[in-house]
């Protein structure tokens, strides 16, 4: 099973995982978050991330998802990439995370592809009349 690590600014990753548990159920083993604050030393954060990757990698690889490309979390993720073993995506969203969780029993390549597709398909311009009123 592909491990999933969210490296994000502050608590965003934890919040996304909490929302995913609400949708998919509480058992999301192999999914973890790492919060990066403006006070964190990037070198220390890199060491913490490496330790988390070792815990998450069950042999099928790990997908790292960060929030904003070019930000500190994304830069940390870039330094951890090992093609075919540790891959990274920037721009994490709830649709992306849910799709990654849904497909993490597949290969790492498939999980990456499905996560990106989930993120892209999760962005919609909603027109009046397209929504069903919640009851």
N, C-alpha and C. Protein backbone atom coordinates (compact mmCIF):
# COMPACT_ATOMS: atom_id res chain seq x y z
N UNK A 1 0.84 -1.18 0.00
CA UNK A 1 0.00 0.00 0.00
C UNK A 1 0.88 1.24 0.00
N UNK A 2 0.55 2.20 -0.83
CA UNK A 2 1.31 3.44 -0.94
C UNK A 2 1.05 4.29 0.30
N UNK A 3 2.12 4.77 0.93
CA UNK A 3 1.98 5.69 2.05
C UNK A 3 1.73 7.09 1.54
N UNK A 4 1.05 7.89 2.35
CA UNK A 4 0.74 9.27 1.97
C UNK A 4 1.21 10.21 3.07
N UNK A 5 2.00 11.21 2.68
CA UNK A 5 2.50 12.21 3.63
C UNK A 5 2.13 13.59 3.12
N UNK A 6 1.38 14.33 3.93
CA UNK A 6 1.02 15.71 3.61
C UNK A 6 1.99 16.62 4.35
N UNK A 7 2.76 17.39 3.60
CA UNK A 7 3.65 18.39 4.19
C UNK A 7 3.07 19.74 3.81
N UNK A 8 2.56 20.46 4.81
CA UNK A 8 1.82 21.68 4.53
C UNK A 8 2.18 22.80 5.50
N UNK A 9 1.78 24.00 5.14
CA UNK A 9 1.90 25.13 6.06
C UNK A 9 0.95 24.89 7.23
N UNK A 10 1.47 25.08 8.42
CA UNK A 10 0.70 24.97 9.66
C UNK A 10 -0.14 23.69 9.70
N UNK A 11 -1.39 23.79 10.06
CA UNK A 11 -2.22 22.61 10.34
C UNK A 11 -3.06 22.14 9.15
N UNK A 12 -2.82 22.68 7.97
CA UNK A 12 -3.66 22.34 6.82
C UNK A 12 -3.72 20.83 6.58
N UNK A 13 -2.58 20.16 6.61
CA UNK A 13 -2.56 18.73 6.34
C UNK A 13 -3.40 17.94 7.33
N UNK A 14 -3.30 18.30 8.61
CA UNK A 14 -4.10 17.62 9.63
C UNK A 14 -5.59 17.84 9.39
N UNK A 15 -5.96 19.04 8.99
CA UNK A 15 -7.37 19.34 8.71
C UNK A 15 -7.87 18.54 7.51
N UNK A 16 -7.06 18.44 6.47
CA UNK A 16 -7.46 17.66 5.30
C UNK A 16 -7.65 16.18 5.66
N UNK A 17 -6.76 15.64 6.47
CA UNK A 17 -6.89 14.24 6.90
C UNK A 17 -8.15 14.07 7.73
N UNK A 18 -8.44 15.01 8.61
CA UNK A 18 -9.66 14.95 9.42
C UNK A 18 -10.90 14.93 8.53
N UNK A 19 -10.92 15.76 7.51
CA UNK A 19 -12.04 15.79 6.56
C UNK A 19 -12.14 14.47 5.79
N UNK A 20 -11.01 13.93 5.38
CA UNK A 20 -11.00 12.65 4.66
C UNK A 20 -11.55 11.53 5.54
N UNK A 21 -11.23 11.56 6.83
CA UNK A 21 -11.78 10.56 7.76
C UNK A 21 -13.29 10.69 7.87
N UNK A 22 -13.80 11.91 7.81
CA UNK A 22 -15.24 12.14 7.85
C UNK A 22 -15.91 11.50 6.62
N UNK A 23 -15.25 11.56 5.48
CA UNK A 23 -15.80 11.03 4.24
C UNK A 23 -15.60 9.52 4.12
N UNK A 24 -14.39 9.05 4.43
CA UNK A 24 -14.01 7.66 4.15
C UNK A 24 -14.03 6.74 5.37
N UNK A 25 -14.14 7.31 6.54
CA UNK A 25 -14.09 6.51 7.76
C UNK A 25 -12.80 6.76 8.51
N UNK A 26 -12.80 6.39 9.79
CA UNK A 26 -11.70 6.78 10.67
C UNK A 26 -10.38 6.03 10.49
N UNK A 27 -10.40 4.88 9.83
CA UNK A 27 -9.17 4.09 9.72
C UNK A 27 -8.38 4.49 8.48
N UNK A 28 -7.48 5.42 8.65
CA UNK A 28 -6.61 5.85 7.54
C UNK A 28 -5.16 5.60 7.91
N UNK A 29 -4.84 4.36 8.23
CA UNK A 29 -3.45 4.05 8.54
C UNK A 29 -2.60 4.27 7.30
N UNK A 30 -1.37 4.67 7.51
CA UNK A 30 -0.47 4.93 6.39
C UNK A 30 -0.63 6.31 5.79
N UNK A 31 -1.42 7.16 6.45
CA UNK A 31 -1.62 8.54 6.01
C UNK A 31 -1.20 9.45 7.16
N UNK A 32 -0.30 10.38 6.90
CA UNK A 32 0.21 11.25 7.97
C UNK A 32 0.39 12.67 7.46
N UNK A 33 0.47 13.58 8.41
CA UNK A 33 0.69 14.99 8.08
C UNK A 33 1.87 15.53 8.86
N UNK A 34 2.49 16.53 8.27
CA UNK A 34 3.59 17.24 8.91
C UNK A 34 3.37 18.72 8.69
N UNK A 35 3.24 19.45 9.79
CA UNK A 35 2.99 20.89 9.74
C UNK A 35 4.32 21.64 9.73
N UNK A 36 4.42 22.60 8.84
CA UNK A 36 5.60 23.46 8.77
C UNK A 36 5.17 24.88 9.16
N UNK A 37 5.80 25.42 10.19
CA UNK A 37 5.49 26.79 10.58
C UNK A 37 6.63 27.70 10.15
N UNK A 38 6.39 28.99 10.19
CA UNK A 38 7.43 29.93 9.78
C UNK A 38 8.61 29.92 10.73
N UNK A 39 8.46 29.33 11.91
CA UNK A 39 9.55 29.26 12.88
C UNK A 39 10.41 28.01 12.72
N UNK A 40 9.95 27.05 11.91
CA UNK A 40 10.69 25.80 11.74
C UNK A 40 11.99 26.01 10.97
N UNK A 41 13.02 25.30 11.40
CA UNK A 41 14.28 25.25 10.65
C UNK A 41 14.09 24.23 9.53
N UNK A 42 14.23 24.62 8.27
CA UNK A 42 14.02 23.69 7.17
C UNK A 42 14.88 22.42 7.26
N UNK A 43 16.10 22.53 7.77
CA UNK A 43 16.96 21.34 7.90
C UNK A 43 16.37 20.36 8.91
N UNK A 44 15.86 20.88 10.02
CA UNK A 44 15.21 20.01 11.01
C UNK A 44 13.94 19.39 10.44
N UNK A 45 13.18 20.18 9.70
CA UNK A 45 11.96 19.68 9.09
C UNK A 45 12.27 18.58 8.08
N UNK A 46 13.34 18.73 7.34
CA UNK A 46 13.75 17.72 6.37
C UNK A 46 14.08 16.41 7.09
N UNK A 47 14.77 16.48 8.21
CA UNK A 47 15.09 15.28 8.99
C UNK A 47 13.83 14.61 9.51
N UNK A 48 12.89 15.41 10.02
CA UNK A 48 11.62 14.85 10.50
C UNK A 48 10.86 14.18 9.37
N UNK A 49 10.85 14.80 8.21
CA UNK A 49 10.14 14.23 7.06
C UNK A 49 10.77 12.91 6.64
N UNK A 50 12.09 12.83 6.64
CA UNK A 50 12.76 11.57 6.28
C UNK A 50 12.36 10.45 7.23
N UNK A 51 12.28 10.77 8.52
CA UNK A 51 11.87 9.76 9.51
C UNK A 51 10.43 9.32 9.26
N UNK A 52 9.57 10.26 8.93
CA UNK A 52 8.17 9.92 8.66
C UNK A 52 8.05 9.05 7.41
N UNK A 53 8.86 9.33 6.40
CA UNK A 53 8.82 8.53 5.18
C UNK A 53 9.19 7.08 5.46
N UNK A 54 10.18 6.88 6.31
CA UNK A 54 10.58 5.51 6.66
C UNK A 54 9.44 4.77 7.33
N UNK A 55 8.70 5.47 8.19
CA UNK A 55 7.56 4.84 8.87
C UNK A 55 6.43 4.53 7.89
N UNK A 56 6.22 5.38 6.92
CA UNK A 56 5.08 5.23 6.00
C UNK A 56 5.35 4.26 4.86
N UNK A 57 6.60 4.05 4.49
CA UNK A 57 6.91 3.21 3.34
C UNK A 57 6.86 1.73 3.72
N UNK A 58 5.82 1.06 3.23
CA UNK A 58 5.66 -0.38 3.47
C UNK A 58 6.25 -1.20 2.33
N UNK A 59 6.97 -0.53 1.43
CA UNK A 59 7.57 -1.22 0.29
C UNK A 59 6.98 -0.82 -1.05
N UNK A 60 5.84 -0.11 -1.02
CA UNK A 60 5.19 0.32 -2.26
C UNK A 60 5.41 1.79 -2.58
N UNK A 61 6.19 2.46 -1.74
CA UNK A 61 6.51 3.86 -1.97
C UNK A 61 5.62 4.80 -1.18
N UNK A 62 5.94 6.08 -1.29
CA UNK A 62 5.20 7.12 -0.58
C UNK A 62 4.95 8.28 -1.53
N UNK A 63 3.74 8.81 -1.47
CA UNK A 63 3.38 10.01 -2.20
C UNK A 63 3.33 11.16 -1.21
N UNK A 64 4.14 12.18 -1.46
CA UNK A 64 4.12 13.39 -0.64
C UNK A 64 3.24 14.41 -1.35
N UNK A 65 2.34 15.02 -0.59
CA UNK A 65 1.50 16.08 -1.14
C UNK A 65 1.74 17.35 -0.33
N UNK A 66 2.06 18.43 -1.01
CA UNK A 66 2.29 19.72 -0.34
C UNK A 66 1.26 20.72 -0.84
N UNK A 67 1.21 21.87 -0.17
CA UNK A 67 0.16 22.82 -0.52
C UNK A 67 0.55 23.73 -1.70
N UNK A 68 1.48 24.62 -1.53
CA UNK A 68 1.81 25.59 -2.58
C UNK A 68 3.19 25.31 -3.16
N UNK A 69 3.25 25.11 -4.48
CA UNK A 69 4.54 24.88 -5.12
C UNK A 69 5.44 26.09 -4.90
N UNK A 70 6.66 25.83 -4.48
CA UNK A 70 7.62 26.90 -4.23
C UNK A 70 7.69 27.33 -2.79
N UNK A 71 6.71 26.92 -1.98
CA UNK A 71 6.74 27.22 -0.55
C UNK A 71 7.66 26.25 0.18
N UNK A 72 7.93 26.52 1.43
CA UNK A 72 8.83 25.67 2.21
C UNK A 72 8.38 24.21 2.22
N UNK A 73 7.09 23.89 2.44
CA UNK A 73 6.70 22.48 2.41
C UNK A 73 7.01 21.81 1.07
N UNK A 74 6.73 22.51 -0.01
CA UNK A 74 7.02 21.97 -1.34
C UNK A 74 8.52 21.82 -1.57
N UNK A 75 9.29 22.77 -1.10
CA UNK A 75 10.75 22.68 -1.25
C UNK A 75 11.31 21.51 -0.47
N UNK A 76 10.75 21.24 0.70
CA UNK A 76 11.17 20.06 1.48
C UNK A 76 10.82 18.80 0.70
N UNK A 77 9.60 18.74 0.17
CA UNK A 77 9.17 17.58 -0.60
C UNK A 77 10.10 17.34 -1.79
N UNK A 78 10.49 18.41 -2.47
CA UNK A 78 11.38 18.29 -3.64
C UNK A 78 12.71 17.64 -3.27
N UNK A 79 13.19 17.90 -2.09
CA UNK A 79 14.47 17.34 -1.65
C UNK A 79 14.35 15.87 -1.26
N UNK A 80 13.13 15.37 -1.13
CA UNK A 80 12.91 13.99 -0.70
C UNK A 80 12.59 13.05 -1.84
N UNK A 81 12.34 13.58 -3.02
CA UNK A 81 11.93 12.75 -4.16
C UNK A 81 13.01 11.74 -4.52
N UNK A 82 12.58 10.50 -4.69
CA UNK A 82 13.41 9.42 -5.22
C UNK A 82 12.54 8.73 -6.26
N UNK A 83 12.76 9.03 -7.51
CA UNK A 83 11.88 8.55 -8.59
C UNK A 83 11.54 7.08 -8.43
N UNK A 84 10.24 6.79 -8.49
CA UNK A 84 9.77 5.42 -8.38
C UNK A 84 9.57 4.94 -6.95
N UNK A 85 10.06 5.69 -5.98
CA UNK A 85 9.92 5.30 -4.57
C UNK A 85 9.23 6.38 -3.75
N UNK A 86 9.64 7.61 -3.94
CA UNK A 86 9.04 8.75 -3.25
C UNK A 86 8.74 9.81 -4.30
N UNK A 87 7.46 10.08 -4.49
CA UNK A 87 7.02 11.06 -5.48
C UNK A 87 6.33 12.21 -4.77
N UNK A 88 6.18 13.34 -5.44
CA UNK A 88 5.59 14.52 -4.80
C UNK A 88 4.65 15.24 -5.76
N UNK A 89 3.59 15.81 -5.17
CA UNK A 89 2.62 16.63 -5.87
C UNK A 89 2.43 17.90 -5.05
N UNK A 90 2.35 19.04 -5.69
CA UNK A 90 2.00 20.29 -5.00
C UNK A 90 0.56 20.66 -5.36
N UNK A 91 -0.10 21.38 -4.45
CA UNK A 91 -1.47 21.82 -4.69
C UNK A 91 -2.50 20.91 -4.05
N UNK A 92 -2.16 20.28 -2.94
CA UNK A 92 -3.06 19.33 -2.30
C UNK A 92 -4.41 19.97 -1.97
N UNK A 93 -5.45 19.19 -2.17
CA UNK A 93 -6.82 19.60 -1.85
C UNK A 93 -7.54 18.37 -1.31
N UNK A 94 -8.73 18.57 -0.77
CA UNK A 94 -9.49 17.43 -0.26
C UNK A 94 -9.85 16.44 -1.37
N UNK A 95 -10.32 16.89 -2.55
CA UNK A 95 -10.58 15.91 -3.61
C UNK A 95 -9.33 15.12 -4.01
N UNK A 96 -8.18 15.78 -4.05
CA UNK A 96 -6.93 15.10 -4.37
C UNK A 96 -6.60 14.05 -3.32
N UNK A 97 -6.71 14.41 -2.05
CA UNK A 97 -6.39 13.48 -0.98
C UNK A 97 -7.34 12.28 -0.97
N UNK A 98 -8.63 12.53 -1.12
CA UNK A 98 -9.60 11.43 -1.13
C UNK A 98 -9.30 10.48 -2.28
N UNK A 99 -8.97 11.00 -3.45
CA UNK A 99 -8.65 10.15 -4.60
C UNK A 99 -7.37 9.35 -4.34
N UNK A 100 -6.36 9.99 -3.75
CA UNK A 100 -5.11 9.28 -3.44
C UNK A 100 -5.36 8.14 -2.46
N UNK A 101 -6.16 8.40 -1.44
CA UNK A 101 -6.47 7.35 -0.46
C UNK A 101 -7.22 6.21 -1.13
N UNK A 102 -8.15 6.54 -2.00
CA UNK A 102 -8.96 5.53 -2.69
C UNK A 102 -8.12 4.61 -3.57
N UNK A 103 -7.05 5.14 -4.15
CA UNK A 103 -6.24 4.36 -5.09
C UNK A 103 -4.88 3.94 -4.53
N UNK A 104 -4.65 4.04 -3.25
CA UNK A 104 -3.31 3.75 -2.75
C UNK A 104 -2.99 2.26 -2.66
N UNK A 105 -3.95 1.40 -2.97
CA UNK A 105 -3.65 -0.02 -3.09
C UNK A 105 -3.06 -0.35 -4.45
N UNK A 106 -3.10 0.60 -5.36
CA UNK A 106 -2.50 0.43 -6.69
C UNK A 106 -1.00 0.77 -6.59
N UNK A 107 -0.35 0.87 -7.72
CA UNK A 107 1.07 1.23 -7.73
C UNK A 107 1.24 2.71 -7.40
N UNK A 108 2.45 3.10 -7.10
CA UNK A 108 2.74 4.50 -6.81
C UNK A 108 2.40 5.38 -8.02
N UNK A 109 2.76 4.94 -9.21
CA UNK A 109 2.47 5.72 -10.42
C UNK A 109 0.97 5.95 -10.60
N UNK A 110 0.18 4.91 -10.37
CA UNK A 110 -1.27 5.03 -10.50
C UNK A 110 -1.82 5.96 -9.42
N UNK A 111 -1.32 5.82 -8.20
CA UNK A 111 -1.77 6.69 -7.11
C UNK A 111 -1.49 8.15 -7.43
N UNK A 112 -0.30 8.44 -7.94
CA UNK A 112 0.06 9.81 -8.33
C UNK A 112 -0.90 10.32 -9.40
N UNK A 113 -1.11 9.54 -10.44
CA UNK A 113 -1.97 9.95 -11.55
C UNK A 113 -3.40 10.19 -11.08
N UNK A 114 -3.93 9.28 -10.29
CA UNK A 114 -5.31 9.41 -9.80
C UNK A 114 -5.45 10.60 -8.86
N UNK A 115 -4.44 10.85 -8.03
CA UNK A 115 -4.49 12.00 -7.12
C UNK A 115 -4.54 13.31 -7.91
N UNK A 116 -3.71 13.42 -8.93
CA UNK A 116 -3.71 14.64 -9.76
C UNK A 116 -5.06 14.81 -10.45
N UNK A 117 -5.58 13.73 -11.01
CA UNK A 117 -6.89 13.79 -11.67
C UNK A 117 -7.97 14.21 -10.68
N UNK A 118 -7.93 13.64 -9.47
CA UNK A 118 -8.91 14.01 -8.45
C UNK A 118 -8.85 15.48 -8.10
N UNK A 119 -7.63 16.01 -7.99
CA UNK A 119 -7.48 17.43 -7.70
C UNK A 119 -8.01 18.30 -8.82
N UNK A 120 -7.71 17.93 -10.05
CA UNK A 120 -8.18 18.71 -11.20
C UNK A 120 -9.70 18.65 -11.33
N UNK A 121 -10.27 17.46 -11.18
CA UNK A 121 -11.72 17.30 -11.32
C UNK A 121 -12.48 17.91 -10.14
N UNK A 122 -11.78 18.15 -9.04
CA UNK A 122 -12.41 18.74 -7.87
C UNK A 122 -12.63 20.24 -7.99
N UNK A 123 -12.05 20.85 -9.02
CA UNK A 123 -12.24 22.28 -9.23
C UNK A 123 -13.38 22.45 -10.24
N UNK A 124 -14.45 23.08 -9.80
CA UNK A 124 -15.63 23.25 -10.65
C UNK A 124 -16.17 24.66 -10.56
N UNK A 125 -16.57 25.19 -11.66
CA UNK A 125 -17.34 26.43 -11.68
C UNK A 125 -18.80 25.98 -11.58
N UNK A 126 -19.45 26.34 -10.49
CA UNK A 126 -20.80 25.85 -10.22
C UNK A 126 -21.82 26.88 -10.69
N UNK A 127 -22.68 26.45 -11.58
CA UNK A 127 -23.73 27.32 -12.12
C UNK A 127 -25.02 27.13 -11.33
N UNK A 128 -25.85 28.17 -11.28
CA UNK A 128 -27.14 28.02 -10.61
C UNK A 128 -27.92 26.87 -11.24
N UNK A 129 -28.58 26.11 -10.42
CA UNK A 129 -29.37 24.99 -10.91
C UNK A 129 -28.60 23.69 -10.98
N UNK A 130 -27.28 23.72 -10.83
CA UNK A 130 -26.49 22.48 -10.86
C UNK A 130 -26.44 21.78 -9.50
N UNK A 131 -26.83 22.49 -8.48
CA UNK A 131 -26.69 21.96 -7.13
C UNK A 131 -28.03 21.44 -6.63
N UNK A 132 -27.97 20.34 -5.90
CA UNK A 132 -29.14 19.85 -5.20
C UNK A 132 -29.11 20.46 -3.81
N UNK A 133 -30.20 21.04 -3.38
CA UNK A 133 -30.25 21.64 -2.04
C UNK A 133 -30.09 20.55 -0.99
N UNK A 134 -29.24 20.82 -0.02
CA UNK A 134 -29.06 19.87 1.08
C UNK A 134 -30.30 19.90 1.95
N UNK A 135 -30.76 18.72 2.33
CA UNK A 135 -31.94 18.66 3.20
C UNK A 135 -31.63 17.93 4.47
